[in-house]
Amino acid sequence: MVIHTRSLGQARPGDLATYRWGSLRAFENGRVFAPSEGLLVAYKAGQVSWDGYERRYRLEMEALARRSPDLFLTLLRRPEVTVVCYEASPARCHRRLLADLLARIAGEQSVQVVLDVQ
């Protein structure tokens, strides 16, 4: 399976929109994978560093994976999934963190993954 990450400007209809705010337009609703509103607001306000954001987002997603593993496993059954967010670069964007987590879960399920992070 292939996991792509894209900014909103590169997204195509049917891609998995994982951002907290804004229109989903023609995208699949993936807001369950967005950072919590509290975390996002704190990060945007400069109250949380990138390292803190990354750590807290991973904890949020790991908790979600424990509560609702089928959300992740359903994505991993697809031949490919494209995770979309607003940030132009994946370097400081949760879509890269989500792709990494999906790849880790895939490995635990013996699913081969190719990451295409953009």
N, C-alpha and C. Protein backbone atom coordinates (compact mmCIF):
# COMPACT_ATOMS: atom_id res chain seq x y z
N MET A 1 0.84 -1.17 0.00
CA MET A 1 0.00 0.00 0.00
C MET A 1 0.88 1.22 0.00
N VAL A 2 0.34 2.32 -0.53
CA VAL A 2 1.06 3.58 -0.61
C VAL A 2 0.34 4.62 0.24
N ILE A 3 1.11 5.32 1.07
CA ILE A 3 0.57 6.43 1.86
C ILE A 3 1.20 7.71 1.32
N HIS A 4 0.35 8.57 0.76
CA HIS A 4 0.78 9.87 0.25
C HIS A 4 0.42 10.93 1.28
N THR A 5 1.20 12.00 1.34
CA THR A 5 0.80 13.19 2.10
C THR A 5 0.87 14.36 1.14
N ARG A 6 -0.13 15.24 1.26
CA ARG A 6 -0.21 16.39 0.36
C ARG A 6 -0.71 17.61 1.12
N SER A 7 -0.30 18.78 0.64
CA SER A 7 -0.90 20.02 1.15
C SER A 7 -2.25 20.19 0.45
N LEU A 8 -3.05 21.07 0.99
CA LEU A 8 -4.39 21.30 0.44
C LEU A 8 -4.31 21.70 -1.03
N GLY A 9 -3.30 22.48 -1.39
CA GLY A 9 -3.16 22.92 -2.78
C GLY A 9 -2.87 21.80 -3.76
N GLN A 10 -2.35 20.68 -3.28
CA GLN A 10 -2.03 19.53 -4.13
C GLN A 10 -3.10 18.44 -4.09
N ALA A 11 -4.11 18.64 -3.27
CA ALA A 11 -5.09 17.58 -3.03
C ALA A 11 -6.03 17.39 -4.21
N ARG A 12 -6.57 16.17 -4.27
CA ARG A 12 -7.54 15.81 -5.31
C ARG A 12 -8.82 15.34 -4.64
N PRO A 13 -9.94 15.41 -5.36
CA PRO A 13 -11.19 14.89 -4.79
C PRO A 13 -11.02 13.45 -4.32
N GLY A 14 -11.58 13.16 -3.17
CA GLY A 14 -11.49 11.82 -2.59
C GLY A 14 -10.34 11.64 -1.62
N ASP A 15 -9.38 12.58 -1.59
CA ASP A 15 -8.29 12.48 -0.63
C ASP A 15 -8.84 12.65 0.78
N LEU A 16 -8.09 12.19 1.77
CA LEU A 16 -8.52 12.20 3.17
C LEU A 16 -8.13 13.52 3.82
N ALA A 17 -9.11 14.40 4.04
CA ALA A 17 -8.85 15.70 4.65
C ALA A 17 -8.74 15.53 6.16
N THR A 18 -7.57 15.85 6.72
CA THR A 18 -7.33 15.63 8.15
C THR A 18 -7.13 16.93 8.90
N TYR A 19 -7.65 18.02 8.36
CA TYR A 19 -7.49 19.30 9.04
C TYR A 19 -8.70 19.58 9.91
N ARG A 20 -8.50 20.43 10.91
CA ARG A 20 -9.51 20.69 11.93
C ARG A 20 -10.59 21.64 11.44
N TRP A 21 -10.21 22.71 10.74
CA TRP A 21 -11.17 23.74 10.35
C TRP A 21 -11.24 23.85 8.84
N GLY A 22 -12.30 24.47 8.36
CA GLY A 22 -12.42 24.74 6.93
C GLY A 22 -13.30 23.73 6.23
N SER A 23 -13.58 24.04 5.00
CA SER A 23 -14.46 23.22 4.18
C SER A 23 -13.77 21.92 3.78
N LEU A 24 -14.52 20.86 3.75
CA LEU A 24 -13.98 19.58 3.27
C LEU A 24 -14.10 19.48 1.75
N ARG A 25 -14.91 20.33 1.17
CA ARG A 25 -15.15 20.32 -0.28
C ARG A 25 -15.38 18.89 -0.75
N ALA A 26 -14.61 18.45 -1.71
CA ALA A 26 -14.83 17.13 -2.30
C ALA A 26 -13.98 16.06 -1.63
N PHE A 27 -13.42 16.38 -0.47
CA PHE A 27 -12.52 15.44 0.19
C PHE A 27 -13.27 14.50 1.13
N GLU A 28 -12.66 13.38 1.39
CA GLU A 28 -13.20 12.45 2.39
C GLU A 28 -12.94 13.03 3.77
N ASN A 29 -13.90 12.90 4.64
CA ASN A 29 -13.79 13.46 5.99
C ASN A 29 -12.87 12.61 6.84
N GLY A 30 -11.72 13.16 7.15
CA GLY A 30 -10.75 12.49 8.01
C GLY A 30 -10.44 13.31 9.24
N ARG A 31 -11.40 14.15 9.64
CA ARG A 31 -11.13 15.04 10.78
C ARG A 31 -10.86 14.29 12.08
N VAL A 32 -11.26 13.06 12.16
CA VAL A 32 -10.96 12.28 13.36
C VAL A 32 -9.44 12.16 13.55
N PHE A 33 -8.68 12.33 12.46
CA PHE A 33 -7.22 12.24 12.52
C PHE A 33 -6.55 13.61 12.69
N ALA A 34 -7.36 14.66 12.79
CA ALA A 34 -6.81 16.01 12.99
C ALA A 34 -6.35 16.17 14.43
N PRO A 35 -5.41 17.08 14.67
CA PRO A 35 -5.03 17.35 16.06
C PRO A 35 -6.23 17.94 16.80
N SER A 36 -6.29 17.74 18.09
CA SER A 36 -7.38 18.31 18.88
C SER A 36 -7.36 19.82 18.74
N GLU A 37 -8.52 20.42 18.91
CA GLU A 37 -8.60 21.87 18.80
C GLU A 37 -7.69 22.55 19.82
N GLY A 38 -7.66 22.04 21.04
CA GLY A 38 -6.81 22.62 22.08
C GLY A 38 -5.34 22.59 21.71
N LEU A 39 -4.88 21.47 21.17
CA LEU A 39 -3.49 21.35 20.77
C LEU A 39 -3.18 22.29 19.62
N LEU A 40 -4.04 22.33 18.64
CA LEU A 40 -3.80 23.18 17.47
C LEU A 40 -3.77 24.65 17.85
N VAL A 41 -4.72 25.08 18.68
CA VAL A 41 -4.77 26.48 19.12
C VAL A 41 -3.51 26.83 19.91
N ALA A 42 -3.10 25.95 20.82
CA ALA A 42 -1.90 26.21 21.63
C ALA A 42 -0.66 26.31 20.75
N TYR A 43 -0.55 25.45 19.76
CA TYR A 43 0.61 25.48 18.86
C TYR A 43 0.61 26.76 18.02
N LYS A 44 -0.53 27.09 17.44
CA LYS A 44 -0.62 28.29 16.59
C LYS A 44 -0.36 29.56 17.40
N ALA A 45 -0.69 29.54 18.69
CA ALA A 45 -0.47 30.70 19.55
C ALA A 45 0.95 30.75 20.12
N GLY A 46 1.77 29.75 19.80
CA GLY A 46 3.14 29.73 20.29
C GLY A 46 3.27 29.23 21.72
N GLN A 47 2.21 28.65 22.26
CA GLN A 47 2.25 28.14 23.63
C GLN A 47 2.84 26.74 23.72
N VAL A 48 2.95 26.08 22.58
CA VAL A 48 3.51 24.73 22.51
C VAL A 48 4.56 24.74 21.40
N SER A 49 5.74 24.22 21.68
CA SER A 49 6.79 24.12 20.67
C SER A 49 6.44 23.02 19.66
N TRP A 50 7.19 22.98 18.56
CA TRP A 50 6.95 21.90 17.60
C TRP A 50 7.18 20.54 18.26
N ASP A 51 8.23 20.41 19.05
CA ASP A 51 8.50 19.13 19.72
C ASP A 51 7.33 18.73 20.63
N GLY A 52 6.79 19.70 21.35
CA GLY A 52 5.64 19.44 22.21
C GLY A 52 4.41 19.07 21.41
N TYR A 53 4.20 19.78 20.31
CA TYR A 53 3.07 19.49 19.43
C TYR A 53 3.18 18.07 18.88
N GLU A 54 4.36 17.74 18.39
CA GLU A 54 4.59 16.41 17.81
C GLU A 54 4.32 15.32 18.85
N ARG A 55 4.84 15.49 20.05
CA ARG A 55 4.67 14.51 21.11
C ARG A 55 3.18 14.36 21.47
N ARG A 56 2.50 15.50 21.65
CA ARG A 56 1.08 15.46 22.05
C ARG A 56 0.20 14.90 20.93
N TYR A 57 0.49 15.25 19.67
CA TYR A 57 -0.30 14.72 18.56
C TYR A 57 -0.13 13.20 18.48
N ARG A 58 1.10 12.73 18.63
CA ARG A 58 1.32 11.27 18.60
C ARG A 58 0.55 10.58 19.73
N LEU A 59 0.55 11.18 20.91
CA LEU A 59 -0.21 10.61 22.02
C LEU A 59 -1.70 10.58 21.71
N GLU A 60 -2.20 11.65 21.11
CA GLU A 60 -3.62 11.68 20.73
C GLU A 60 -3.95 10.56 19.74
N MET A 61 -3.11 10.39 18.74
CA MET A 61 -3.38 9.38 17.71
C MET A 61 -3.17 7.96 18.24
N GLU A 62 -2.20 7.77 19.10
CA GLU A 62 -2.01 6.44 19.70
C GLU A 62 -3.20 6.08 20.57
N ALA A 63 -3.75 7.05 21.30
CA ALA A 63 -4.95 6.81 22.11
C ALA A 63 -6.13 6.47 21.21
N LEU A 64 -6.26 7.19 20.09
CA LEU A 64 -7.34 6.91 19.14
C LEU A 64 -7.18 5.50 18.56
N ALA A 65 -5.97 5.13 18.24
CA ALA A 65 -5.71 3.79 17.68
C ALA A 65 -6.07 2.69 18.69
N ARG A 66 -5.85 2.94 19.96
CA ARG A 66 -6.23 1.95 20.98
C ARG A 66 -7.75 1.87 21.13
N ARG A 67 -8.41 3.05 21.12
CA ARG A 67 -9.87 3.09 21.27
C ARG A 67 -10.60 2.57 20.03
N SER A 68 -10.08 2.94 18.86
CA SER A 68 -10.78 2.66 17.60
C SER A 68 -9.80 2.17 16.54
N PRO A 69 -9.24 0.98 16.74
CA PRO A 69 -8.23 0.50 15.78
C PRO A 69 -8.76 0.36 14.36
N ASP A 70 -10.06 0.12 14.21
CA ASP A 70 -10.61 -0.06 12.86
C ASP A 70 -10.49 1.20 12.01
N LEU A 71 -10.44 2.38 12.64
CA LEU A 71 -10.25 3.61 11.86
C LEU A 71 -8.94 3.54 11.08
N PHE A 72 -7.92 3.03 11.70
CA PHE A 72 -6.61 2.92 11.08
C PHE A 72 -6.53 1.70 10.16
N LEU A 73 -7.06 0.58 10.61
CA LEU A 73 -6.98 -0.64 9.82
C LEU A 73 -7.78 -0.52 8.53
N THR A 74 -8.88 0.21 8.55
CA THR A 74 -9.66 0.43 7.34
C THR A 74 -8.84 1.17 6.29
N LEU A 75 -8.10 2.17 6.73
CA LEU A 75 -7.23 2.89 5.79
C LEU A 75 -6.15 1.98 5.22
N LEU A 76 -5.63 1.11 6.05
CA LEU A 76 -4.53 0.24 5.62
C LEU A 76 -4.99 -0.88 4.68
N ARG A 77 -6.29 -1.08 4.55
CA ARG A 77 -6.80 -2.08 3.60
C ARG A 77 -6.87 -1.53 2.18
N ARG A 78 -6.71 -0.25 2.03
CA ARG A 78 -6.76 0.38 0.71
C ARG A 78 -5.41 0.18 0.00
N PRO A 79 -5.43 0.21 -1.33
CA PRO A 79 -4.15 0.15 -2.04
C PRO A 79 -3.34 1.43 -1.85
N GLU A 80 -4.03 2.55 -1.64
CA GLU A 80 -3.35 3.81 -1.34
C GLU A 80 -4.29 4.75 -0.61
N VAL A 81 -3.70 5.64 0.16
CA VAL A 81 -4.44 6.69 0.86
C VAL A 81 -3.61 7.96 0.79
N THR A 82 -4.31 9.09 0.62
CA THR A 82 -3.63 10.38 0.57
C THR A 82 -4.14 11.23 1.72
N VAL A 83 -3.24 11.61 2.62
CA VAL A 83 -3.55 12.41 3.80
C VAL A 83 -3.29 13.87 3.47
N VAL A 84 -4.29 14.72 3.69
CA VAL A 84 -4.22 16.13 3.29
C VAL A 84 -4.32 17.05 4.50
N CYS A 85 -3.54 18.14 4.46
CA CYS A 85 -3.62 19.19 5.47
C CYS A 85 -3.24 20.53 4.83
N TYR A 86 -3.46 21.61 5.57
CA TYR A 86 -3.19 22.96 5.07
C TYR A 86 -1.72 23.29 4.91
N GLU A 87 -0.88 22.81 5.80
CA GLU A 87 0.53 23.22 5.80
C GLU A 87 1.19 22.93 4.46
N ALA A 88 1.98 23.87 3.98
CA ALA A 88 2.64 23.71 2.68
C ALA A 88 3.72 22.62 2.73
N SER A 89 4.43 22.54 3.85
CA SER A 89 5.53 21.59 3.98
C SER A 89 5.17 20.51 5.01
N PRO A 90 5.53 19.27 4.75
CA PRO A 90 5.27 18.21 5.72
C PRO A 90 6.21 18.23 6.93
N ALA A 91 7.26 19.03 6.85
CA ALA A 91 8.27 19.03 7.92
C ALA A 91 7.65 19.33 9.28
N ARG A 92 6.73 20.26 9.33
CA ARG A 92 6.05 20.61 10.59
C ARG A 92 4.55 20.54 10.39
N CYS A 93 4.11 19.35 10.02
CA CYS A 93 2.69 19.13 9.78
C CYS A 93 2.29 17.75 10.31
N HIS A 94 1.10 17.68 10.86
CA HIS A 94 0.65 16.42 11.42
C HIS A 94 0.43 15.34 10.36
N ARG A 95 0.28 15.72 9.09
CA ARG A 95 0.05 14.68 8.07
C ARG A 95 1.25 13.74 7.97
N ARG A 96 2.45 14.26 8.16
CA ARG A 96 3.64 13.41 8.16
C ARG A 96 3.65 12.50 9.38
N LEU A 97 3.26 13.06 10.52
CA LEU A 97 3.21 12.27 11.75
C LEU A 97 2.18 11.15 11.62
N LEU A 98 1.03 11.48 11.03
CA LEU A 98 -0.02 10.47 10.82
C LEU A 98 0.46 9.40 9.85
N ALA A 99 1.12 9.80 8.78
CA ALA A 99 1.65 8.82 7.83
C ALA A 99 2.65 7.89 8.50
N ASP A 100 3.51 8.43 9.35
CA ASP A 100 4.48 7.61 10.09
C ASP A 100 3.76 6.61 11.00
N LEU A 101 2.72 7.07 11.69
CA LEU A 101 1.97 6.17 12.56
C LEU A 101 1.27 5.08 11.75
N LEU A 102 0.66 5.46 10.64
CA LEU A 102 0.01 4.46 9.78
C LEU A 102 1.03 3.43 9.29
N ALA A 103 2.21 3.89 8.93
CA ALA A 103 3.26 2.96 8.47
C ALA A 103 3.67 2.01 9.59
N ARG A 104 3.76 2.53 10.81
CA ARG A 104 4.12 1.67 11.94
C ARG A 104 3.05 0.62 12.20
N ILE A 105 1.79 1.04 12.18
CA ILE A 105 0.68 0.10 12.38
C ILE A 105 0.64 -0.92 11.25
N ALA A 106 0.90 -0.47 10.03
CA ALA A 106 0.94 -1.38 8.89
C ALA A 106 2.00 -2.45 9.10
N GLY A 107 3.17 -2.04 9.56
CA GLY A 107 4.24 -3.00 9.83
C GLY A 107 3.84 -4.03 10.86
N GLU A 108 3.10 -3.60 11.88
CA GLU A 108 2.61 -4.53 12.90
C GLU A 108 1.61 -5.52 12.32
N GLN A 109 0.97 -5.14 11.21
CA GLN A 109 -0.01 -6.00 10.54
C GLN A 109 0.60 -6.73 9.34
N SER A 110 1.91 -6.65 9.20
CA SER A 110 2.65 -7.24 8.07
C SER A 110 2.19 -6.71 6.73
N VAL A 111 1.84 -5.45 6.68
CA VAL A 111 1.45 -4.79 5.44
C VAL A 111 2.65 -3.96 4.96
N GLN A 112 3.05 -4.19 3.72
CA GLN A 112 4.15 -3.43 3.12
C GLN A 112 3.65 -2.03 2.78
N VAL A 113 4.44 -1.01 3.13
CA VAL A 113 4.05 0.38 2.90
C VAL A 113 5.15 1.13 2.18
N VAL A 114 4.71 1.97 1.26
CA VAL A 114 5.60 2.95 0.62
C VAL A 114 5.09 4.31 1.07
N LEU A 115 5.97 5.12 1.66
CA LEU A 115 5.61 6.47 2.08
C LEU A 115 6.01 7.46 1.00
N ASP A 116 5.06 8.30 0.62
CA ASP A 116 5.28 9.37 -0.35
C ASP A 116 4.93 10.67 0.35
N VAL A 117 5.90 11.23 1.06
CA VAL A 117 5.65 12.41 1.92
C VAL A 117 6.01 13.67 1.15
N GLN A 118 4.99 14.51 0.97
CA GLN A 118 5.18 15.79 0.27
C GLN A 118 4.48 16.88 1.02
